[in-house]
Structure formats: C-alpha cells, structure tokens
PDB file of N, CA and C in Angstrom:
ATOM      1  N   MET A   1      40.503-122.812  85.625  1.00  0.00           N
ATOM      2  CA  MET A   1      39.855-122.632  84.344  1.00  0.00           C
ATOM      3  C   MET A   1      40.456-123.588  83.315  1.00  0.00           C
ATOM      4  N   THR A   2      39.623-124.067  82.434  1.00  0.00           N
ATOM      5  CA  THR A   2      40.049-125.015  81.417  1.00  0.00           C
ATOM      6  C   THR A   2      40.346-124.294  80.108  1.00  0.00           C
ATOM      7  N   THR A   3      41.392-124.730  79.413  1.00  0.00           N
ATOM      8  CA  THR A   3      41.676-124.200  78.084  1.00  0.00           C
ATOM      9  C   THR A   3      41.172-125.207  77.068  1.00  0.00           C
ATOM     10  N   HIS A   4      40.258-124.755  76.214  1.00  0.00           N
ATOM     11  CA  HIS A   4      39.663-125.596  75.182  1.00  0.00           C
ATOM     12  C   HIS A   4      40.297-125.282  73.835  1.00  0.00           C
ATOM     13  N   GLN A   5      40.498-126.313  73.040  1.00  0.00           N
ATOM     14  CA  GLN A   5      41.132-126.157  71.734  1.00  0.00           C
ATOM     15  C   GLN A   5      40.104-126.459  70.640  1.00  0.00           C
ATOM     16  N   PHE A   6      39.981-125.535  69.681  1.00  0.00           N
ATOM     17  CA  PHE A   6      39.045-125.686  68.575  1.00  0.00           C
ATOM     18  C   PHE A   6      39.765-125.544  67.248  1.00  0.00           C
ATOM     19  N   PHE A   7      39.316-126.285  66.244  1.00  0.00           N
ATOM     20  CA  PHE A   7      39.748-126.072  64.860  1.00  0.00           C
ATOM     21  C   PHE A   7      38.726-125.136  64.241  1.00  0.00           C
ATOM     22  N   VAL A   8      39.205-124.033  63.649  1.00  0.00           N
ATOM     23  CA  VAL A   8      38.328-123.102  62.939  1.00  0.00           C
ATOM     24  C   VAL A   8      38.941-122.875  61.560  1.00  0.00           C
ATOM     25  N   ASP A   9      38.175-123.104  60.518  1.00  0.00           N
ATOM     26  CA  ASP A   9      38.683-123.017  59.147  1.00  0.00           C
ATOM     27  C   ASP A   9      38.907-121.559  58.734  1.00  0.00           C
ATOM     28  N   MET A  10      39.984-120.966  59.256  1.00  0.00           N
ATOM     29  CA  MET A  10      40.335-119.564  58.983  1.00  0.00           C
ATOM     30  C   MET A  10      41.437-119.531  57.927  1.00  0.00           C
ATOM     31  N   ILE A  11      41.313-118.601  56.975  1.00  0.00           N
ATOM     32  CA  ILE A  11      42.347-118.505  55.945  1.00  0.00           C
ATOM     33  C   ILE A  11      43.016-117.135  55.897  1.00  0.00           C
ATOM     34  N   CYS A  12      42.454-116.169  56.633  1.00  0.00           N
ATOM     35  CA  CYS A  12      43.034-114.820  56.553  1.00  0.00           C
ATOM     36  C   CYS A  12      42.793-114.048  57.849  1.00  0.00           C
ATOM     37  N   GLU A  13      43.337-112.846  57.883  1.00  0.00           N
ATOM     38  CA  GLU A  13      43.160-111.975  59.055  1.00  0.00           C
ATOM     39  C   GLU A  13      41.692-111.613  59.263  1.00  0.00           C
ATOM     40  N   GLY A  14      40.931-111.521  58.184  1.00  0.00           N
ATOM     41  CA  GLY A  14      39.506-111.228  58.293  1.00  0.00           C
ATOM     42  C   GLY A  14      38.775-112.330  59.050  1.00  0.00           C
ATOM     43  N   CYS A  15      39.176-113.569  58.776  1.00  0.00           N
ATOM     44  CA  CYS A  15      38.586-114.729  59.468  1.00  0.00           C
ATOM     45  C   CYS A  15      38.896-114.664  60.959  1.00  0.00           C
ATOM     46  N   SER A  16      40.144-114.409  61.289  1.00  0.00           N
ATOM     47  CA  SER A  16      40.515-114.342  62.699  1.00  0.00           C
ATOM     48  C   SER A  16      39.862-113.130  63.365  1.00  0.00           C
ATOM     49  N   GLY A  17      39.630-112.081  62.595  1.00  0.00           N
ATOM     50  CA  GLY A  17      38.930-110.906  63.118  1.00  0.00           C
ATOM     51  C   GLY A  17      37.500-111.237  63.502  1.00  0.00           C
ATOM     52  N   ALA A  18      36.850-112.079  62.693  1.00  0.00           N
ATOM     53  CA  ALA A  18      35.482-112.510  63.000  1.00  0.00           C
ATOM     54  C   ALA A  18      35.457-113.319  64.293  1.00  0.00           C
ATOM     55  N   VAL A  19      36.452-114.189  64.467  1.00  0.00           N
ATOM     56  CA  VAL A  19      36.565-114.989  65.693  1.00  0.00           C
ATOM     57  C   VAL A  19      36.769-114.057  66.889  1.00  0.00           C
ATOM     58  N   THR A  20      37.630-113.080  66.734  1.00  0.00           N
ATOM     59  CA  THR A  20      37.884-112.118  67.806  1.00  0.00           C
ATOM     60  C   THR A  20      36.605-111.383  68.198  1.00  0.00           C
ATOM     61  N   ARG A  21      35.823-110.953  67.207  1.00  0.00           N
ATOM     62  CA  ARG A  21      34.576-110.222  67.486  1.00  0.00           C
ATOM     63  C   ARG A  21      33.596-111.062  68.302  1.00  0.00           C
ATOM     64  N   VAL A  22      33.375-112.325  67.913  1.00  0.00           N
ATOM     65  CA  VAL A  22      32.377-113.131  68.637  1.00  0.00           C
ATOM     66  C   VAL A  22      32.867-113.524  70.032  1.00  0.00           C
ATOM     67  N   LEU A  23      34.160-113.790  70.165  1.00  0.00           N
ATOM     68  CA  LEU A  23      34.674-114.211  71.473  1.00  0.00           C
ATOM     69  C   LEU A  23      34.794-113.048  72.453  1.00  0.00           C
ATOM     70  N   THR A  24      35.044-111.855  71.946  1.00  0.00           N
ATOM     71  CA  THR A  24      35.126-110.680  72.813  1.00  0.00           C
ATOM     72  C   THR A  24      33.788-110.451  73.515  1.00  0.00           C
ATOM     73  N   LYS A  25      32.693-110.720  72.815  1.00  0.00           N
ATOM     74  CA  LYS A  25      31.358-110.550  73.403  1.00  0.00           C
ATOM     75  C   LYS A  25      31.100-111.548  74.528  1.00  0.00           C
ATOM     76  N   LEU A  26      31.788-112.706  74.492  1.00  0.00           N
ATOM     77  CA  LEU A  26      31.610-113.730  75.527  1.00  0.00           C
ATOM     78  C   LEU A  26      32.408-113.432  76.791  1.00  0.00           C
ATOM     79  N   ASP A  27      33.342-112.494  76.695  1.00  0.00           N
ATOM     80  CA  ASP A  27      34.199-112.135  77.823  1.00  0.00           C
ATOM     81  C   ASP A  27      35.005-113.342  78.307  1.00  0.00           C
ATOM     82  N   VAL A  28      35.747-113.964  77.365  1.00  0.00           N
ATOM     83  CA  VAL A  28      36.642-115.080  77.689  1.00  0.00           C
ATOM     84  C   VAL A  28      38.054-114.727  77.230  1.00  0.00           C
ATOM     85  N   LYS A  29      39.023-115.415  77.795  1.00  0.00           N
ATOM     86  CA  LYS A  29      40.418-115.234  77.398  1.00  0.00           C
ATOM     87  C   LYS A  29      40.690-116.207  76.259  1.00  0.00           C
ATOM     88  N   PHE A  30      41.285-115.734  75.152  1.00  0.00           N
ATOM     89  CA  PHE A  30      41.499-116.622  74.009  1.00  0.00           C
ATOM     90  C   PHE A  30      42.766-116.262  73.247  1.00  0.00           C
ATOM     91  N   ASP A  31      43.235-117.225  72.458  1.00  0.00           N
ATOM     92  CA  ASP A  31      44.411-117.043  71.620  1.00  0.00           C
ATOM     93  C   ASP A  31      44.117-117.684  70.273  1.00  0.00           C
ATOM     94  N   ILE A  32      44.481-116.994  69.199  1.00  0.00           N
ATOM     95  CA  ILE A  32      44.230-117.491  67.846  1.00  0.00           C
ATOM     96  C   ILE A  32      45.549-117.864  67.185  1.00  0.00           C
ATOM     97  N   ASP A  33      45.618-119.094  66.676  1.00  0.00           N
ATOM     98  CA  ASP A  33      46.776-119.589  65.927  1.00  0.00           C
ATOM     99  C   ASP A  33      46.332-119.720  64.469  1.00  0.00           C
ATOM    100  N   LEU A  34      46.426-118.612  63.719  1.00  0.00           N
ATOM    101  CA  LEU A  34      45.934-118.566  62.344  1.00  0.00           C
ATOM    102  C   LEU A  34      46.622-119.566  61.413  1.00  0.00           C
ATOM    103  N   PRO A  35      47.962-119.700  61.425  1.00  0.00           N
ATOM    104  CA  PRO A  35      48.605-120.652  60.508  1.00  0.00           C
ATOM    105  C   PRO A  35      48.130-122.094  60.693  1.00  0.00           C
ATOM    106  N   ASN A  36      47.832-122.480  61.943  1.00  0.00           N
ATOM    107  CA  ASN A  36      47.379-123.850  62.222  1.00  0.00           C
ATOM    108  C   ASN A  36      45.861-123.964  62.336  1.00  0.00           C
ATOM    109  N   LYS A  37      45.172-122.836  62.117  1.00  0.00           N
ATOM    110  CA  LYS A  37      43.706-122.785  62.148  1.00  0.00           C
ATOM    111  C   LYS A  37      43.137-123.280  63.474  1.00  0.00           C
ATOM    112  N   LYS A  38      43.762-122.844  64.574  1.00  0.00           N
ATOM    113  CA  LYS A  38      43.299-123.255  65.899  1.00  0.00           C
ATOM    114  C   LYS A  38      42.977-122.044  66.760  1.00  0.00           C
ATOM    115  N   VAL A  39      42.008-122.238  67.646  1.00  0.00           N
ATOM    116  CA  VAL A  39      41.634-121.217  68.610  1.00  0.00           C
ATOM    117  C   VAL A  39      41.657-121.874  69.986  1.00  0.00           C
ATOM    118  N   PHE A  40      42.334-121.236  70.923  1.00  0.00           N
ATOM    119  CA  PHE A  40      42.422-121.720  72.295  1.00  0.00           C
ATOM    120  C   PHE A  40      41.616-120.768  73.169  1.00  0.00           C
ATOM    121  N   ILE A  41      40.641-121.312  73.898  1.00  0.00           N
ATOM    122  CA  ILE A  41      39.769-120.486  74.731  1.00  0.00           C
ATOM    123  C   ILE A  41      39.885-120.942  76.177  1.00  0.00           C
ATOM    124  N   GLU A  42      40.226-119.999  77.049  1.00  0.00           N
ATOM    125  CA  GLU A  42      40.310-120.289  78.481  1.00  0.00           C
ATOM    126  C   GLU A  42      38.998-119.854  79.115  1.00  0.00           C
ATOM    127  N   SER A  43      38.208-120.846  79.528  1.00  0.00           N
ATOM    128  CA  SER A  43      36.889-120.531  80.052  1.00  0.00           C
ATOM    129  C   SER A  43      36.301-121.702  80.813  1.00  0.00           C
ATOM    130  N   ASP A  44      35.401-121.388  81.745  1.00  0.00           N
ATOM    131  CA  ASP A  44      34.641-122.418  82.442  1.00  0.00           C
ATOM    132  C   ASP A  44      33.257-122.577  81.822  1.00  0.00           C
ATOM    133  N   LYS A  45      33.000-121.841  80.746  1.00  0.00           N
ATOM    134  CA  LYS A  45      31.708-121.962  80.053  1.00  0.00           C
ATOM    135  C   LYS A  45      31.607-123.340  79.417  1.00  0.00           C
ATOM    136  N   ASP A  46      30.376-123.790  79.193  1.00  0.00           N
ATOM    137  CA  ASP A  46      30.138-125.086  78.584  1.00  0.00           C
ATOM    138  C   ASP A  46      30.723-125.118  77.164  1.00  0.00           C
ATOM    139  N   THR A  47      31.276-126.256  76.788  1.00  0.00           N
ATOM    140  CA  THR A  47      31.889-126.427  75.464  1.00  0.00           C
ATOM    141  C   THR A  47      30.896-126.124  74.344  1.00  0.00           C
ATOM    142  N   ASP A  48      29.636-126.525  74.531  1.00  0.00           N
ATOM    143  CA  ASP A  48      28.616-126.276  73.513  1.00  0.00           C
ATOM    144  C   ASP A  48      28.390-124.778  73.299  1.00  0.00           C
ATOM    145  N   VAL A  49      28.463-123.995  74.370  1.00  0.00           N
ATOM    146  CA  VAL A  49      28.306-122.534  74.271  1.00  0.00           C
ATOM    147  C   VAL A  49      29.452-121.958  73.443  1.00  0.00           C
ATOM    148  N   LEU A  50      30.669-122.414  73.719  1.00  0.00           N
ATOM    149  CA  LEU A  50      31.840-121.929  72.986  1.00  0.00           C
ATOM    150  C   LEU A  50      31.753-122.329  71.516  1.00  0.00           C
ATOM    151  N   LEU A  51      31.334-123.566  71.257  1.00  0.00           N
ATOM    152  CA  LEU A  51      31.220-124.078  69.892  1.00  0.00           C
ATOM    153  C   LEU A  51      30.185-123.284  69.098  1.00  0.00           C
ATOM    154  N   GLU A  52      29.023-123.069  69.691  1.00  0.00           N
ATOM    155  CA  GLU A  52      27.957-122.323  69.003  1.00  0.00           C
ATOM    156  C   GLU A  52      28.377-120.874  68.758  1.00  0.00           C
ATOM    157  N   THR A  53      29.110-120.299  69.693  1.00  0.00           N
ATOM    158  CA  THR A  53      29.595-118.927  69.519  1.00  0.00           C
ATOM    159  C   THR A  53      30.564-118.853  68.344  1.00  0.00           C
ATOM    160  N   LEU A  54      31.494-119.806  68.250  1.00  0.00           N
ATOM    161  CA  LEU A  54      32.451-119.813  67.144  1.00  0.00           C
ATOM    162  C   LEU A  54      31.758-120.049  65.806  1.00  0.00           C
ATOM    163  N   LYS A  55      30.685-120.821  65.797  1.00  0.00           N
ATOM    164  CA  LYS A  55      29.957-121.100  64.552  1.00  0.00           C
ATOM    165  C   LYS A  55      29.283-119.857  63.994  1.00  0.00           C
ATOM    166  N   LYS A  56      29.079-118.837  64.841  1.00  0.00           N
ATOM    167  CA  LYS A  56      28.483-117.578  64.386  1.00  0.00           C
ATOM    168  C   LYS A  56      29.374-116.867  63.371  1.00  0.00           C
ATOM    169  N   THR A  57      30.641-117.281  63.282  1.00  0.00           N
ATOM    170  CA  THR A  57      31.553-116.677  62.302  1.00  0.00           C
ATOM    171  C   THR A  57      31.253-117.180  60.891  1.00  0.00           C
ATOM    172  N   GLY A  58      30.483-118.260  60.771  1.00  0.00           N
ATOM    173  CA  GLY A  58      30.204-118.841  59.468  1.00  0.00           C
ATOM    174  C   GLY A  58      31.274-119.806  58.993  1.00  0.00           C
ATOM    175  N   LYS A  59      32.267-120.040  59.827  1.00  0.00           N
ATOM    176  CA  LYS A  59      33.371-120.948  59.489  1.00  0.00           C
ATOM    177  C   LYS A  59      33.071-122.348  60.010  1.00  0.00           C
ATOM    178  N   THR A  60      33.744-123.334  59.414  1.00  0.00           N
ATOM    179  CA  THR A  60      33.653-124.699  59.915  1.00  0.00           C
ATOM    180  C   THR A  60      34.409-124.772  61.231  1.00  0.00           C
ATOM    181  N   VAL A  61      33.755-125.279  62.268  1.00  0.00           N
ATOM    182  CA  VAL A  61      34.344-125.325  63.619  1.00  0.00           C
ATOM    183  C   VAL A  61      34.245-126.740  64.170  1.00  0.00           C
ATOM    184  N   THR A  62      35.350-127.219  64.738  1.00  0.00           N
ATOM    185  CA  THR A  62      35.383-128.529  65.362  1.00  0.00           C
ATOM    186  C   THR A  62      36.049-128.409  66.730  1.00  0.00           C
ATOM    187  N   TYR A  63      35.446-129.034  67.731  1.00  0.00           N
ATOM    188  CA  TYR A  63      36.053-129.049  69.070  1.00  0.00           C
ATOM    189  C   TYR A  63      37.111-130.145  69.094  1.00  0.00           C
ATOM    190  N   ILE A  64      38.342-129.794  69.401  1.00  0.00           N
ATOM    191  CA  ILE A  64      39.439-130.758  69.457  1.00  0.00           C
ATOM    192  C   ILE A  64      39.512-131.392  70.837  1.00  0.00           C
ATOM    193  N   GLY A  65      39.401-130.569  71.874  1.00  0.00           N
ATOM    194  CA  GLY A  65      39.454-131.079  73.243  1.00  0.00           C
ATOM    195  C   GLY A  65      40.188-130.124  74.147  1.00  0.00           C
ATOM    196  N   PRO A  66      40.346-130.496  75.412  1.00  0.00           N
ATOM    197  CA  PRO A  66      41.092-129.635  76.333  1.00  0.00           C
ATOM    198  C   PRO A  66      42.574-129.632  75.966  1.00  0.00           C
ATOM    199  N   LYS A  67      43.202-128.516  76.218  1.00  0.00           N
ATOM    200  CA  LYS A  67      44.639-128.401  75.886  1.00  0.00           C
ATOM    201  C   LYS A  67      45.454-128.888  77.044  1.00  0.00           C
TER     202      LYS A  67
END
C-alpha cells in the first residue's frame, strides 16, 4: 500500500475533525499532522479519489506526493 501526503489548510481541531469524518467513510488508514497542515493516507485508491474526498471538507487541498 502507498502512503500519500496531502497539504490541507487546517487551523484547528474542528478542521482536523472534518478531515477525520470524510476519510473514515473511505475506510482508509490515515494520520493527521495538524501543526504542519499535512494528512498522510495509506491507500491503494486513486489519488484523485483521495483528493476529491479531502476537498469535501471545504479546505484548500494540495497533493504533495508519495511519502
């Protein structure tokens, strides 16, 4: 499985909570680094699927690349 790294413009626990809610529905393994505004997702799903899912939070999201 590949670990993908994303920048998500999160500023508080509420922001990271929104990320947690959308990713839990995808059934993927993930880790949130709130101070650095990064989300690490371990998944074989297509990068575009992960990106679109994260965008559902309403935050600015950028795909950084594989970790």
